């Protein structure tokens, strides 16, 4: 599995789930689906996907109140596919 396939798998986990997840949960879901890459690789791909705008980061504490608030990539938060975020925030 090459880098573009691994990156696509990370994005697919988020798109198929439609939910916001911590980075470690994205990695665990990739592993369940057969991925052989490590957690730090997932972190790297999530950063790329954030930069490319395919993934957004949301505030985990706001989710407790059923809100989706986008946060800066440097802040702590949960990752979510942009397509799912846009669907929920129409």
C-alpha atoms as a PDB file:
ATOM      1  CA  UNK A   1       0.000   0.000   0.000  1.00  0.00           C
ATOM      2  CA  UNK A   2       1.562   3.264  -1.136  1.00  0.00           C
ATOM      3  CA  UNK A   3       1.292   6.682   0.495  1.00  0.00           C
ATOM      4  CA  UNK A   4      -1.659   7.817  -1.633  1.00  0.00           C
ATOM      5  CA  UNK A   5      -3.554   4.608  -0.763  1.00  0.00           C
ATOM      6  CA  UNK A   6      -2.870   5.076   2.954  1.00  0.00           C
ATOM      7  CA  UNK A   7      -3.990   8.693   2.820  1.00  0.00           C
ATOM      8  CA  UNK A   8      -7.151   7.657   0.942  1.00  0.00           C
ATOM      9  CA  UNK A   9      -7.867   5.037   3.614  1.00  0.00           C
ATOM     10  CA  UNK A  10      -7.635   7.657   6.380  1.00  0.00           C
ATOM     11  CA  UNK A  11     -10.063   9.904   4.507  1.00  0.00           C
ATOM     12  CA  UNK A  12     -12.386   6.980   3.742  1.00  0.00           C
ATOM     13  CA  UNK A  13     -12.663   6.098   7.432  1.00  0.00           C
ATOM     14  CA  UNK A  14     -13.876   9.621   8.181  1.00  0.00           C
ATOM     15  CA  UNK A  15     -16.169   9.850   5.165  1.00  0.00           C
ATOM     16  CA  UNK A  16     -17.751   6.441   5.689  1.00  0.00           C
ATOM     17  CA  UNK A  17     -18.316   6.980   9.403  1.00  0.00           C
ATOM     18  CA  UNK A  18     -19.727  10.486   9.022  1.00  0.00           C
ATOM     19  CA  UNK A  19     -18.674  11.287  12.585  1.00  0.00           C
ATOM     20  CA  UNK A  20     -15.943  13.285  14.301  1.00  0.00           C
ATOM     21  CA  UNK A  21     -13.134  11.210  15.823  1.00  0.00           C
ATOM     22  CA  UNK A  22      -9.948  11.745  17.760  1.00  0.00           C
ATOM     23  CA  UNK A  23      -6.817  10.988  15.773  1.00  0.00           C
ATOM     24  CA  UNK A  24      -6.200   7.777  17.692  1.00  0.00           C
ATOM     25  CA  UNK A  25      -9.713   6.589  16.854  1.00  0.00           C
ATOM     26  CA  UNK A  26      -9.145   7.264  13.160  1.00  0.00           C
ATOM     27  CA  UNK A  27      -5.981   5.153  13.386  1.00  0.00           C
ATOM     28  CA  UNK A  28      -7.785   2.345  15.242  1.00  0.00           C
ATOM     29  CA  UNK A  29     -10.544   2.284  12.626  1.00  0.00           C
ATOM     30  CA  UNK A  30      -7.927   2.123   9.873  1.00  0.00           C
ATOM     31  CA  UNK A  31      -6.310  -0.834  11.654  1.00  0.00           C
ATOM     32  CA  UNK A  32      -9.667  -2.620  11.947  1.00  0.00           C
ATOM     33  CA  UNK A  33     -10.001  -2.220   8.177  1.00  0.00           C
ATOM     34  CA  UNK A  34      -6.619  -3.870   7.605  1.00  0.00           C
ATOM     35  CA  UNK A  35      -4.186  -0.949   7.583  1.00  0.00           C
ATOM     36  CA  UNK A  36      -0.591  -1.780   8.460  1.00  0.00           C
ATOM     37  CA  UNK A  37       0.621   1.775   9.052  1.00  0.00           C
ATOM     38  CA  UNK A  38       1.206   3.282  12.466  1.00  0.00           C
ATOM     39  CA  UNK A  39      -0.458   6.006  14.502  1.00  0.00           C
ATOM     40  CA  UNK A  40       2.129   8.673  13.640  1.00  0.00           C
ATOM     41  CA  UNK A  41       1.503   7.996   9.932  1.00  0.00           C
ATOM     42  CA  UNK A  42      -2.203   8.589  10.502  1.00  0.00           C
ATOM     43  CA  UNK A  43      -1.366  11.844  12.274  1.00  0.00           C
ATOM     44  CA  UNK A  44       0.737  12.921   9.282  1.00  0.00           C
ATOM     45  CA  UNK A  45      -2.047  12.148   6.796  1.00  0.00           C
ATOM     46  CA  UNK A  46      -4.649  13.904   8.921  1.00  0.00           C
ATOM     47  CA  UNK A  47      -2.453  17.032   8.895  1.00  0.00           C
ATOM     48  CA  UNK A  48      -2.203  16.823   5.092  1.00  0.00           C
ATOM     49  CA  UNK A  49      -5.941  16.308   4.717  1.00  0.00           C
ATOM     50  CA  UNK A  50      -6.591  19.304   7.007  1.00  0.00           C
ATOM     51  CA  UNK A  51      -4.256  21.447   4.942  1.00  0.00           C
ATOM     52  CA  UNK A  52      -5.958  20.336   1.725  1.00  0.00           C
ATOM     53  CA  UNK A  53      -9.406  21.115   3.167  1.00  0.00           C
ATOM     54  CA  UNK A  54     -10.734  17.565   2.929  1.00  0.00           C
ATOM     55  CA  UNK A  55     -10.919  17.251   6.701  1.00  0.00           C
ATOM     56  CA  UNK A  56     -11.924  19.765   9.388  1.00  0.00           C
ATOM     57  CA  UNK A  57     -11.149  19.834  13.079  1.00  0.00           C
ATOM     58  CA  UNK A  58     -14.034  20.379  15.487  1.00  0.00           C
ATOM     59  CA  UNK A  59     -14.212  21.250  19.166  1.00  0.00           C
ATOM     60  CA  UNK A  60     -14.828  18.119  21.214  1.00  0.00           C
ATOM     61  CA  UNK A  61     -16.356  19.960  24.155  1.00  0.00           C
ATOM     62  CA  UNK A  62     -18.863  21.734  21.901  1.00  0.00           C
ATOM     63  CA  UNK A  63     -19.973  18.324  20.633  1.00  0.00           C
ATOM     64  CA  UNK A  64     -21.204  17.509  24.140  1.00  0.00           C
ATOM     65  CA  UNK A  65     -23.864  20.158  23.570  1.00  0.00           C
ATOM     66  CA  UNK A  66     -24.685  18.747  20.117  1.00  0.00           C
ATOM     67  CA  UNK A  67     -22.798  21.593  18.401  1.00  0.00           C
ATOM     68  CA  UNK A  68     -20.185  21.334  15.678  1.00  0.00           C
ATOM     69  CA  UNK A  69     -17.697  24.183  16.008  1.00  0.00           C
ATOM     70  CA  UNK A  70     -14.704  24.287  13.734  1.00  0.00           C
ATOM     71  CA  UNK A  71     -11.368  24.949  15.459  1.00  0.00           C
ATOM     72  CA  UNK A  72      -7.924  25.874  14.196  1.00  0.00           C
ATOM     73  CA  UNK A  73      -5.683  22.984  13.196  1.00  0.00           C
ATOM     74  CA  UNK A  74      -3.267  23.857  16.013  1.00  0.00           C
ATOM     75  CA  UNK A  75      -5.971  23.354  18.670  1.00  0.00           C
ATOM     76  CA  UNK A  76      -7.073  20.090  20.244  1.00  0.00           C
ATOM     77  CA  UNK A  77     -10.123  18.599  18.642  1.00  0.00           C
ATOM     78  CA  UNK A  78     -11.737  15.813  16.681  1.00  0.00           C
ATOM     79  CA  UNK A  79     -11.307  15.176  12.965  1.00  0.00           C
ATOM     80  CA  UNK A  80     -14.249  15.033  10.607  1.00  0.00           C
ATOM     81  CA  UNK A  81     -14.589  14.687   6.846  1.00  0.00           C
ATOM     82  CA  UNK A  82     -15.451  18.087   5.381  1.00  0.00           C
ATOM     83  CA  UNK A  83     -18.352  16.551   3.462  1.00  0.00           C
ATOM     84  CA  UNK A  84     -19.931  15.238   6.690  1.00  0.00           C
ATOM     85  CA  UNK A  85     -19.302  18.534   8.502  1.00  0.00           C
ATOM     86  CA  UNK A  86     -21.012  20.462   5.708  1.00  0.00           C
ATOM     87  CA  UNK A  87     -23.960  18.059   5.714  1.00  0.00           C
ATOM     88  CA  UNK A  88     -24.501  18.487   9.462  1.00  0.00           C
ATOM     89  CA  UNK A  89     -24.077  22.269   9.422  1.00  0.00           C
ATOM     90  CA  UNK A  90     -26.350  23.141   6.464  1.00  0.00           C
END
